[in-house]
C-alpha atoms as a PDB file:
ATOM      1  CA  MET A   1      96.426  84.010 111.072  1.00  0.00           C
ATOM      2  CA  SER A   2      99.077  82.215 109.067  1.00  0.00           C
ATOM      3  CA  THR A   3     100.750  79.114 110.438  1.00  0.00           C
ATOM      4  CA  VAL A   4     103.817  79.540 108.234  1.00  0.00           C
ATOM      5  CA  ASN A   5     107.059  79.562 110.218  1.00  0.00           C
ATOM      6  CA  LEU A   6     109.515  81.750 108.295  1.00  0.00           C
ATOM      7  CA  TYR A   7     112.430  80.007 109.997  1.00  0.00           C
ATOM      8  CA  ASP A   8     111.541  76.895 107.955  1.00  0.00           C
ATOM      9  CA  TYR A   9     112.270  78.715 104.674  1.00  0.00           C
ATOM     10  CA  ASP A  10     116.014  79.295 104.856  1.00  0.00           C
ATOM     11  CA  SER A  11     116.461  79.015 101.082  1.00  0.00           C
ATOM     12  CA  ILE A  12     113.844  81.712 100.371  1.00  0.00           C
ATOM     13  CA  ARG A  13     114.966  85.268  99.686  1.00  0.00           C
ATOM     14  CA  ALA A  14     112.383  87.789 100.883  1.00  0.00           C
ATOM     15  CA  ALA A  15     112.678  89.652  97.565  1.00  0.00           C
ATOM     16  CA  GLU A  16     111.056  86.687  95.830  1.00  0.00           C
ATOM     17  CA  TYR A  17     107.780  87.612  97.552  1.00  0.00           C
ATOM     18  CA  VAL A  18     107.980  91.183  98.905  1.00  0.00           C
ATOM     19  CA  ASP A  19     109.554  94.474  97.935  1.00  0.00           C
ATOM     20  CA  VAL A  20     112.895  94.945  99.649  1.00  0.00           C
ATOM     21  CA  PRO A  21     113.999  98.592  99.859  1.00  0.00           C
ATOM     22  CA  ALA A  22     117.443  99.532  98.532  1.00  0.00           C
ATOM     23  CA  TRP A  23     118.587 100.258 102.096  1.00  0.00           C
ATOM     24  CA  ILE A  24     118.182  96.598 103.072  1.00  0.00           C
ATOM     25  CA  ASP A  25     120.424  93.818 101.751  1.00  0.00           C
ATOM     26  CA  ALA A  26     118.648  92.367  98.703  1.00  0.00           C
ATOM     27  CA  GLU A  27     119.699  88.878  99.813  1.00  0.00           C
ATOM     28  CA  ILE A  28     117.776  89.046 103.088  1.00  0.00           C
ATOM     29  CA  SER A  29     116.133  85.685 103.739  1.00  0.00           C
ATOM     30  CA  ALA A  30     112.780  84.710 105.201  1.00  0.00           C
ATOM     31  CA  PRO A  31     114.430  83.578 108.473  1.00  0.00           C
ATOM     32  CA  ASP A  32     116.287  86.925 108.658  1.00  0.00           C
ATOM     33  CA  VAL A  33     112.958  88.742 108.413  1.00  0.00           C
ATOM     34  CA  ALA A  34     111.514  86.508 111.153  1.00  0.00           C
ATOM     35  CA  ALA A  35     114.489  87.175 113.419  1.00  0.00           C
ATOM     36  CA  ILE A  36     114.186  90.938 112.940  1.00  0.00           C
ATOM     37  CA  GLU A  37     110.454  90.771 113.613  1.00  0.00           C
ATOM     38  CA  GLN A  38     111.080  88.709 116.748  1.00  0.00           C
ATOM     39  CA  GLY A  39     113.951  90.625 118.321  1.00  0.00           C
ATOM     40  CA  GLY A  40     114.592  93.753 116.279  1.00  0.00           C
ATOM     41  CA  CYS A  41     117.848  94.797 114.690  1.00  0.00           C
ATOM     42  CA  GLU A  42     119.388  95.695 118.026  1.00  0.00           C
ATOM     43  CA  SER A  43     119.152  92.051 119.095  1.00  0.00           C
ATOM     44  CA  GLY A  44     121.749  91.308 116.413  1.00  0.00           C
ATOM     45  CA  ALA A  45     119.169  89.956 113.986  1.00  0.00           C
ATOM     46  CA  TYR A  46     120.302  92.371 111.251  1.00  0.00           C
ATOM     47  CA  MET A  47     123.838  93.547 111.857  1.00  0.00           C
ATOM     48  CA  PRO A  48     124.105  95.966 108.880  1.00  0.00           C
ATOM     49  CA  ALA A  49     121.642  98.263 110.678  1.00  0.00           C
ATOM     50  CA  VAL A  50     123.520  98.306 113.981  1.00  0.00           C
ATOM     51  CA  THR A  51     127.135  98.269 112.838  1.00  0.00           C
ATOM     52  CA  TYR A  52     128.202 101.910 112.918  1.00  0.00           C
ATOM     53  CA  ALA A  53     130.275 101.974 109.728  1.00  0.00           C
ATOM     54  CA  THR A  54     127.745 100.011 107.682  1.00  0.00           C
ATOM     55  CA  ALA A  55     124.754 101.991 108.946  1.00  0.00           C
ATOM     56  CA  ALA A  56     126.544 105.291 108.309  1.00  0.00           C
ATOM     57  CA  ASP A  57     127.408 104.204 104.766  1.00  0.00           C
ATOM     58  CA  THR A  58     123.839 103.059 104.106  1.00  0.00           C
ATOM     59  CA  MET A  59     122.423 106.306 105.450  1.00  0.00           C
ATOM     60  CA  ALA A  60     124.889 108.308 103.339  1.00  0.00           C
ATOM     61  CA  ARG A  61     123.550 106.531 100.249  1.00  0.00           C
ATOM     62  CA  HIS A  62     119.877 106.078 101.178  1.00  0.00           C
ATOM     63  CA  GLY A  63     119.218 108.380 104.133  1.00  0.00           C
ATOM     64  CA  ASP A  64     116.478 110.406 102.467  1.00  0.00           C
ATOM     65  CA  ALA A  65     114.591 107.236 101.510  1.00  0.00           C
ATOM     66  CA  VAL A  66     114.996 105.828 105.039  1.00  0.00           C
ATOM     67  CA  LEU A  67     113.675 109.026 106.634  1.00  0.00           C
ATOM     68  CA  ASP A  68     110.795 109.189 104.127  1.00  0.00           C
ATOM     69  CA  TYR A  69     109.934 105.583 104.976  1.00  0.00           C
ATOM     70  CA  LEU A  70     109.955 106.294 108.716  1.00  0.00           C
ATOM     71  CA  GLU A  71     107.720 109.301 108.204  1.00  0.00           C
ATOM     72  CA  SER A  72     105.293 107.261 106.099  1.00  0.00           C
ATOM     73  CA  VAL A  73     105.103 104.531 108.755  1.00  0.00           C
ATOM     74  CA  TYR A  74     105.056 106.624 111.941  1.00  0.00           C
ATOM     75  CA  GLY A  75     103.767 109.984 110.726  1.00  0.00           C
ATOM     76  CA  ASP A  76     107.021 111.654 111.722  1.00  0.00           C
ATOM     77  CA  VAL A  77     110.682 110.838 112.127  1.00  0.00           C
ATOM     78  CA  PRO A  78     111.601 109.575 115.608  1.00  0.00           C
ATOM     79  CA  ALA A  79     114.060 111.865 117.359  1.00  0.00           C
ATOM     80  CA  PRO A  80     117.576 110.486 117.786  1.00  0.00           C
ATOM     81  CA  PRO A  81     119.061 110.030 121.238  1.00  0.00           C
ATOM     82  CA  ARG A  82     120.355 113.224 122.768  1.00  0.00           C
ATOM     83  CA  GLY A  83     124.070 113.792 122.211  1.00  0.00           C
ATOM     84  CA  ALA A  84     124.381 110.879 119.770  1.00  0.00           C
ATOM     85  CA  SER A  85     127.242 110.762 117.298  1.00  0.00           C
ATOM     86  CA  TRP A  86     126.498 110.713 113.556  1.00  0.00           C
ATOM     87  CA  SER A  87     127.113 106.970 113.477  1.00  0.00           C
ATOM     88  CA  ALA A  88     124.725 106.406 116.388  1.00  0.00           C
ATOM     89  CA  ILE A  89     122.118 108.556 114.636  1.00  0.00           C
ATOM     90  CA  ALA A  90     122.563 106.469 111.485  1.00  0.00           C
ATOM     91  CA  VAL A  91     122.014 103.289 113.515  1.00  0.00           C
ATOM     92  CA  HIS A  92     118.994 104.849 115.229  1.00  0.00           C
ATOM     93  CA  TYR A  93     117.218 105.689 111.981  1.00  0.00           C
ATOM     94  CA  LEU A  94     118.255 102.680 109.931  1.00  0.00           C
ATOM     95  CA  SER A  95     117.477 100.095 112.601  1.00  0.00           C
ATOM     96  CA  ARG A  96     114.037 101.567 113.221  1.00  0.00           C
ATOM     97  CA  ALA A  97     113.255 101.587 109.517  1.00  0.00           C
ATOM     98  CA  VAL A  98     114.417  97.986 109.094  1.00  0.00           C
ATOM     99  CA  ASP A  99     112.401  96.915 112.158  1.00  0.00           C
ATOM    100  CA  ALA A 100     109.277  98.581 110.760  1.00  0.00           C
ATOM    101  CA  TRP A 101     109.803  97.095 107.304  1.00  0.00           C
ATOM    102  CA  ALA A 102     110.366  93.592 108.705  1.00  0.00           C
ATOM    103  CA  SER A 103     107.153  93.750 110.709  1.00  0.00           C
ATOM    104  CA  GLY A 104     105.071  94.281 107.570  1.00  0.00           C
ATOM    105  CA  ALA A 105     107.222  92.101 105.349  1.00  0.00           C
ATOM    106  CA  ALA A 106     106.938  89.131 107.700  1.00  0.00           C
ATOM    107  CA  GLU A 107     103.153  89.092 107.391  1.00  0.00           C
ATOM    108  CA  GLU A 108     103.342  89.497 103.603  1.00  0.00           C
ATOM    109  CA  LEU A 109     105.886  86.682 103.394  1.00  0.00           C
ATOM    110  CA  ARG A 110     103.790  84.350 105.524  1.00  0.00           C
ATOM    111  CA  ALA A 111     100.721  84.974 103.380  1.00  0.00           C
ATOM    112  CA  ALA A 112     102.657  84.503 100.122  1.00  0.00           C
ATOM    113  CA  LEU A 113     104.366  81.325 101.313  1.00  0.00           C
ATOM    114  CA  GLU A 114     101.129  79.887 102.654  1.00  0.00           C
ATOM    115  CA  SER A 115      99.489  80.570  99.290  1.00  0.00           C
ATOM    116  CA  ALA A 116     102.440  79.005  97.428  1.00  0.00           C
ATOM    117  CA  ASP A 117     102.335  75.937  99.725  1.00  0.00           C
ATOM    118  CA  ASP A 118      98.600  75.527  99.024  1.00  0.00           C
ATOM    119  CA  GLU A 119      99.207  75.355  95.284  1.00  0.00           C
END
């Protein structure tokens, strides 16, 4: 298990070490990834996924890729809440995809940073 604390790397963009999907802000930092991993998007750790207008815009541009990602991670696409508005559905799908991505990306980042620190 890595001892790297991603919160200590505030000047590191995640994209320097891991693939960041087009539906996530390319400037996302290592501490942002840690915060999402710790509390999820709905905790406020990644506001673009839980702000209705931003999530709806992102899903309009990248919705197919987000749904494909969710299906690849979970085996299916999680059902949205019953009676949800389009904006709430966009938040539902985008926040779950970002949460899932951050979980894997955090481990990749820790391993890459630990390796870089060892050099």
